[in-house]
Amino acid sequence: MTASAVERGRWLRRPSPGIAFMAIAAFMFSLMSLLVKLAGRRIPTMEIVLVRASINVVISVALIARAGLSPFGNRRGLLLMRGLLGSLALIGFFGAVVHLPLAEATMVHYTNPALTALLAAWLLGERVEGRVVGCVAASLAGVALIARPGSIFGGSAADIDPRWVGVGLVAAALSASAYVTVRKLRASDHTLVVVLYFPMVTVPIALPFALAGWVWPTPAEWLALAGVGVTTQIAQIALTMGLAREAAGRATAVGYLQVAFAALWGALFFAETPDAWSLAGAGLIFASLVLLARPRRAASPSPTLA
């Protein structure tokens, strides 16, 4: 058996752990989005953000106590920066969704993997592989086929406010910066501590806005909100573990998988049957994921190892 055949067999048996964690994060984030959509029929957005963050703080503190870790972390300034960047990115993305057509807001948001790869190359010295660039381009094309914004596929774009497009781009850049910060923290702080700082910073930011327009949830809405918190917690842990094990550009490109999952939930729960364009887009996203999951080719092995 040749070395290349051994390499192919190893890839089929064991994909990259970092990519696998990022795929789990994408799936859980898609469930979170489904629950947010269900709860958001009546509950204000900032209230959902506050409840989600509060649940995440409680779960994170319990997990940290169980693990016998210090909740304060080692690089507190960088941890607070991660929390602040993530919180502002979340608020900016929600603002873009409210003030822009959803397709355009989605397209703007999913520029963050490319921005992450560029920031990681600049700040962390990570090499931008040609395969990553190709996968990001193919995945972005898949997102475009699923979202099909009117500004690209035809239709009026008169209602698009360029100021909120700018807000969406800033939010994508903030999200990319948060991912790079998580990547930087992998050498100094435990995953659970990194996860804690995001909701811990989000709570005081969201609190005044949530209280100003508070709507008391029904029992079913409380259940959906609890689900938002739990799925977010799992997703954040998987995201942090994925970024600790994989280059930031490759890892965050897997986030495009979330769009394919969202199309599935739309068909199952909201009778939003995907058409041929959406299926083609999902196919591009899954193909990109398969290529990203393949481990980097190592240096040529010696005859003995082969």
Protein backbone atom coordinates (compact mmCIF):
# COMPACT_ATOMS: atom_id res chain seq x y z
CA MET A 1 0.00 0.00 0.00
CA THR A 2 1.37 3.41 -0.97
CA ALA A 3 1.82 6.33 1.42
CA SER A 4 -0.94 8.27 -0.35
CA ALA A 5 -3.33 5.35 0.06
CA VAL A 6 -2.49 5.17 3.77
CA GLU A 7 -3.15 8.91 4.05
CA ARG A 8 -6.54 8.59 2.32
CA GLY A 9 -7.55 5.70 4.56
CA ARG A 10 -6.54 7.58 7.69
CA TRP A 11 -8.63 10.58 6.61
CA LEU A 12 -11.72 8.45 5.98
CA ARG A 13 -11.41 6.83 9.41
CA ARG A 14 -10.53 9.91 11.44
CA PRO A 15 -11.33 13.44 10.23
CA SER A 16 -9.66 16.47 11.79
CA PRO A 17 -10.86 16.81 15.44
CA GLY A 18 -10.94 20.60 15.16
CA ILE A 19 -13.20 20.47 12.11
CA ALA A 20 -15.43 17.90 13.83
CA PHE A 21 -15.88 20.19 16.85
CA MET A 22 -16.70 23.12 14.56
CA ALA A 23 -19.31 21.00 12.75
CA ILE A 24 -20.91 20.17 16.12
CA ALA A 25 -20.88 23.89 16.97
CA ALA A 26 -22.59 24.72 13.66
CA PHE A 27 -25.29 22.13 14.31
CA MET A 28 -25.96 23.39 17.85
CA PHE A 29 -25.95 27.03 16.71
CA SER A 30 -28.54 26.10 14.09
CA LEU A 31 -30.74 24.58 16.81
CA MET A 32 -30.25 27.75 18.84
CA SER A 33 -31.39 29.83 15.84
CA LEU A 34 -34.46 27.64 15.45
CA LEU A 35 -35.42 28.16 19.10
CA VAL A 36 -34.72 31.89 18.86
CA LYS A 37 -37.04 32.10 15.85
CA LEU A 38 -39.77 30.26 17.77
CA ALA A 39 -39.36 32.37 20.92
CA GLY A 40 -38.90 35.60 18.94
CA ARG A 41 -42.45 35.55 17.65
CA ARG A 42 -43.38 37.49 20.80
CA ILE A 43 -40.25 37.93 22.95
CA PRO A 44 -37.99 40.96 22.20
CA THR A 45 -34.53 40.17 20.85
CA MET A 46 -32.54 41.73 23.71
CA GLU A 47 -34.62 39.79 26.22
CA ILE A 48 -33.68 36.56 24.43
CA VAL A 49 -30.02 37.65 24.48
CA LEU A 50 -30.21 38.37 28.22
CA VAL A 51 -31.90 35.09 29.14
CA ARG A 52 -29.51 33.13 26.94
CA ALA A 53 -26.46 34.80 28.47
CA SER A 54 -27.77 34.37 32.03
CA ILE A 55 -28.30 30.63 31.50
CA ASN A 56 -24.83 30.35 30.00
CA VAL A 57 -23.26 32.09 33.00
CA VAL A 58 -24.97 29.68 35.43
CA ILE A 59 -23.97 26.59 33.44
CA SER A 60 -20.40 27.81 32.92
CA VAL A 61 -19.89 28.60 36.61
CA ALA A 62 -21.24 25.16 37.58
CA LEU A 63 -18.95 23.39 35.10
CA ILE A 64 -15.94 25.42 36.21
CA ALA A 65 -16.64 24.66 39.88
CA ARG A 66 -17.02 20.97 39.09
CA ALA A 67 -13.70 20.98 37.24
CA GLY A 68 -11.98 22.75 40.15
CA LEU A 69 -10.86 25.69 37.99
CA SER A 70 -10.51 29.35 38.81
CA PRO A 71 -13.22 31.36 37.00
CA PHE A 72 -10.95 34.39 36.69
CA GLY A 73 -8.58 32.90 34.12
CA ASN A 74 -4.97 33.78 33.42
CA ARG A 75 -5.13 36.42 30.70
CA ARG A 76 -8.07 38.42 32.03
CA GLY A 77 -7.64 41.36 29.70
CA LEU A 78 -7.75 39.12 26.63
CA LEU A 79 -10.68 37.16 28.10
CA LEU A 80 -12.65 40.37 28.64
CA MET A 81 -11.75 41.43 25.11
CA ARG A 82 -13.12 38.13 23.78
CA GLY A 83 -16.36 38.68 25.70
CA LEU A 84 -16.73 42.27 24.53
CA LEU A 85 -15.98 41.47 20.88
CA GLY A 86 -18.46 38.58 20.90
CA SER A 87 -21.18 40.64 22.57
CA LEU A 88 -20.86 43.59 20.20
CA ALA A 89 -20.74 41.24 17.20
CA LEU A 90 -23.95 39.57 18.36
CA ILE A 91 -25.75 42.89 18.87
CA GLY A 92 -24.52 44.24 15.53
CA PHE A 93 -25.64 41.11 13.70
CA PHE A 94 -29.11 41.30 15.26
CA GLY A 95 -29.29 44.99 14.30
CA ALA A 96 -28.42 44.16 10.70
CA VAL A 97 -31.04 41.40 10.64
CA VAL A 98 -33.70 43.82 11.92
CA HIS A 99 -32.87 46.64 9.48
CA LEU A 100 -31.85 44.67 6.37
CA PRO A 101 -33.51 41.90 4.36
CA LEU A 102 -32.52 38.60 5.96
CA ALA A 103 -30.75 37.34 2.83
CA GLU A 104 -28.51 40.42 2.65
CA ALA A 105 -27.81 40.33 6.40
CA THR A 106 -26.85 36.66 6.14
CA MET A 107 -24.50 37.31 3.24
CA VAL A 108 -22.80 40.13 5.14
CA HIS A 109 -22.48 38.01 8.30
CA TYR A 110 -20.83 35.10 6.50
CA THR A 111 -17.91 37.21 5.37
CA ASN A 112 -16.43 36.53 8.83
CA PRO A 113 -14.60 33.25 7.96
CA ALA A 114 -12.60 35.04 5.27
CA LEU A 115 -11.95 37.92 7.67
CA THR A 116 -10.93 35.42 10.36
CA ALA A 117 -8.41 33.76 8.04
CA LEU A 118 -6.92 37.13 7.14
CA LEU A 119 -6.77 38.33 10.76
CA ALA A 120 -5.25 35.03 11.89
CA ALA A 121 -2.59 35.33 9.19
CA TRP A 122 -1.82 38.89 10.29
CA LEU A 123 -2.04 38.56 14.08
CA LEU A 124 -1.17 34.88 14.68
CA GLY A 125 1.09 34.22 11.72
CA GLU A 126 -1.10 31.35 10.48
CA ARG A 127 -0.56 30.38 6.86
CA VAL A 128 -3.58 30.84 4.60
CA GLU A 129 -3.77 27.63 2.58
CA GLY A 130 -5.03 27.70 -0.99
CA ARG A 131 -7.49 24.96 -0.04
CA VAL A 132 -8.97 27.20 2.66
CA VAL A 133 -9.38 30.09 0.24
CA GLY A 134 -11.11 27.80 -2.25
CA CYS A 135 -13.40 26.34 0.41
CA VAL A 136 -14.33 29.79 1.72
CA ALA A 137 -15.17 30.91 -1.82
CA ALA A 138 -17.20 27.77 -2.54
CA SER A 139 -19.01 28.00 0.81
CA LEU A 140 -19.81 31.67 0.26
CA ALA A 141 -21.20 30.74 -3.15
CA GLY A 142 -23.33 28.09 -1.42
CA VAL A 143 -24.64 30.66 1.05
CA ALA A 144 -25.46 32.97 -1.87
CA LEU A 145 -27.42 30.19 -3.60
CA ILE A 146 -29.41 29.51 -0.42
CA ALA A 147 -30.01 33.14 0.58
CA ARG A 148 -30.21 34.53 -3.00
CA PRO A 149 -30.11 38.25 -2.05
CA GLY A 150 -32.03 40.44 -4.43
CA SER A 151 -29.05 42.72 -4.98
CA ILE A 152 -27.22 39.78 -6.63
CA PHE A 153 -29.99 37.59 -8.07
CA GLY A 154 -32.30 40.36 -9.22
CA GLY A 155 -35.09 42.35 -7.60
CA SER A 156 -35.20 45.74 -5.97
CA ALA A 157 -32.46 46.74 -3.55
CA ALA A 158 -33.97 50.15 -2.80
CA ASP A 159 -34.82 49.23 0.79
CA ILE A 160 -31.22 48.39 1.68
CA ASP A 161 -29.73 50.98 4.02
CA PRO A 162 -25.97 51.18 3.39
CA ARG A 163 -25.41 52.29 6.99
CA TRP A 164 -26.76 48.99 8.29
CA VAL A 165 -24.73 47.11 5.69
CA GLY A 166 -21.74 48.83 7.30
CA VAL A 167 -22.96 47.77 10.75
CA GLY A 168 -23.25 44.19 9.52
CA LEU A 169 -19.71 44.27 8.12
CA VAL A 170 -18.39 45.69 11.38
CA ALA A 171 -20.21 42.92 13.27
CA ALA A 172 -18.63 40.31 10.98
CA ALA A 173 -15.21 41.84 11.62
CA LEU A 174 -15.87 41.83 15.38
CA SER A 175 -16.92 38.19 15.17
CA ALA A 176 -13.73 37.35 13.29
CA SER A 177 -11.69 39.23 15.89
CA ALA A 178 -13.41 37.26 18.67
CA TYR A 179 -12.53 33.98 16.94
CA VAL A 180 -8.90 35.01 16.61
CA THR A 181 -8.90 35.97 20.30
CA VAL A 182 -10.24 32.53 21.21
CA ARG A 183 -7.48 31.00 19.11
CA LYS A 184 -4.92 33.12 20.97
CA LEU A 185 -6.28 32.06 24.39
CA ARG A 186 -5.91 28.33 23.69
CA ALA A 187 -2.40 28.30 25.20
CA SER A 188 -3.24 30.12 28.43
CA ASP A 189 -6.82 29.44 29.52
CA HIS A 190 -9.16 26.48 29.87
CA THR A 191 -12.02 26.11 27.40
CA LEU A 192 -14.67 26.52 30.12
CA VAL A 193 -13.13 29.79 31.33
CA VAL A 194 -13.01 31.20 27.80
CA VAL A 195 -16.67 30.23 27.31
CA LEU A 196 -17.67 31.91 30.60
CA TYR A 197 -16.39 35.35 29.68
CA PHE A 198 -18.67 35.73 26.65
CA PRO A 199 -22.03 35.61 28.53
CA MET A 200 -20.50 37.26 31.60
CA VAL A 201 -19.82 40.37 29.51
CA THR A 202 -23.07 40.07 27.54
CA VAL A 203 -25.36 40.15 30.61
CA PRO A 204 -24.59 43.73 31.79
CA ILE A 205 -24.67 44.99 28.19
CA ALA A 206 -28.09 43.44 27.40
CA LEU A 207 -29.71 43.98 30.83
CA PRO A 208 -30.91 47.62 30.53
CA PHE A 209 -32.31 47.10 27.01
CA ALA A 210 -34.09 43.87 28.00
CA LEU A 211 -35.67 45.39 31.12
CA ALA A 212 -36.91 48.41 29.16
CA GLY A 213 -39.07 46.25 26.89
CA TRP A 214 -39.59 43.16 29.04
CA VAL A 215 -42.34 40.70 28.01
CA TRP A 216 -43.06 37.90 30.48
CA PRO A 217 -42.62 34.55 28.67
CA THR A 218 -45.22 31.80 28.69
CA PRO A 219 -44.21 28.30 29.93
CA ALA A 220 -43.60 27.18 26.34
CA GLU A 221 -41.49 30.27 25.69
CA TRP A 222 -39.49 29.67 28.87
CA LEU A 223 -38.79 26.15 27.57
CA ALA A 224 -37.62 27.56 24.23
CA LEU A 225 -35.44 30.13 26.00
CA ALA A 226 -33.92 27.42 28.19
CA GLY A 227 -33.18 25.45 25.03
CA VAL A 228 -31.49 28.52 23.56
CA GLY A 229 -29.20 28.68 26.59
CA VAL A 230 -28.33 24.97 26.59
CA THR A 231 -27.66 24.72 22.85
CA THR A 232 -25.57 27.90 22.99
CA GLN A 233 -23.49 26.47 25.85
CA ILE A 234 -22.74 23.27 23.94
CA ALA A 235 -22.02 25.24 20.77
CA GLN A 236 -19.65 27.65 22.52
CA ILE A 237 -17.69 24.79 24.12
CA ALA A 238 -17.43 22.97 20.79
CA LEU A 239 -16.45 26.22 19.05
CA THR A 240 -13.71 26.96 21.59
CA MET A 241 -12.37 23.40 21.44
CA GLY A 242 -12.43 23.50 17.65
CA LEU A 243 -10.53 26.78 17.49
CA ALA A 244 -7.98 25.38 19.95
CA ARG A 245 -7.27 22.45 17.61
CA GLU A 246 -7.52 23.94 14.14
CA ALA A 247 -6.27 27.01 12.31
CA ALA A 248 -8.80 29.82 12.62
CA GLY A 249 -9.44 30.25 8.89
CA ARG A 250 -10.13 26.56 8.29
CA ALA A 251 -12.18 26.20 11.47
CA THR A 252 -14.55 29.13 11.02
CA ALA A 253 -15.25 28.24 7.38
CA VAL A 254 -17.17 25.22 8.72
CA GLY A 255 -19.68 27.73 10.11
CA TYR A 256 -21.24 27.79 6.65
CA LEU A 257 -22.67 24.39 7.53
CA GLN A 258 -25.05 26.23 9.85
CA VAL A 259 -26.82 27.71 6.82
CA ALA A 260 -27.53 24.25 5.41
CA PHE A 261 -28.95 23.14 8.77
CA ALA A 262 -31.09 26.29 8.89
CA ALA A 263 -32.57 25.40 5.50
CA LEU A 264 -33.45 21.96 6.88
CA TRP A 265 -35.15 23.39 10.01
CA GLY A 266 -37.07 25.83 7.83
CA ALA A 267 -38.44 22.96 5.76
CA LEU A 268 -39.34 20.85 8.81
CA PHE A 269 -40.82 23.50 11.10
CA PHE A 270 -41.93 26.40 8.89
CA ALA A 271 -42.90 24.67 5.62
CA GLU A 272 -40.06 26.45 3.84
CA THR A 273 -39.34 23.78 1.23
CA PRO A 274 -35.83 24.23 -0.21
CA ASP A 275 -35.78 24.62 -3.98
CA ALA A 276 -33.11 23.50 -6.44
CA TRP A 277 -31.00 26.59 -5.73
CA SER A 278 -30.99 25.89 -1.98
CA LEU A 279 -30.15 22.23 -2.51
CA ALA A 280 -27.26 23.21 -4.79
CA GLY A 281 -26.02 25.65 -2.18
CA ALA A 282 -26.21 23.03 0.57
CA GLY A 283 -24.27 20.65 -1.67
CA LEU A 284 -21.49 23.21 -2.09
CA ILE A 285 -21.34 23.76 1.66
CA PHE A 286 -21.14 20.06 2.47
CA ALA A 287 -18.50 19.51 -0.24
CA SER A 288 -16.43 22.32 1.27
CA LEU A 289 -16.79 20.76 4.73
CA VAL A 290 -15.55 17.40 3.46
CA LEU A 291 -12.50 19.04 1.88
CA LEU A 292 -11.78 21.10 5.01
CA ALA A 293 -12.05 18.01 7.22
CA ARG A 294 -9.19 16.34 5.36
CA PRO A 295 -5.96 16.69 7.40
CA ARG A 296 -3.10 18.67 5.94
CA ARG A 297 -0.68 16.64 3.89
CA ALA A 298 2.35 15.93 6.02
CA ALA A 299 5.88 15.98 4.76
CA SER A 300 6.92 13.01 2.65
CA PRO A 301 7.34 10.05 5.04
CA SER A 302 10.45 7.96 5.18
CA PRO A 303 10.36 4.52 3.50
CA THR A 304 10.18 2.89 6.93
CA LEU A 305 7.14 4.90 8.01
CA ALA A 306 5.46 4.36 4.66
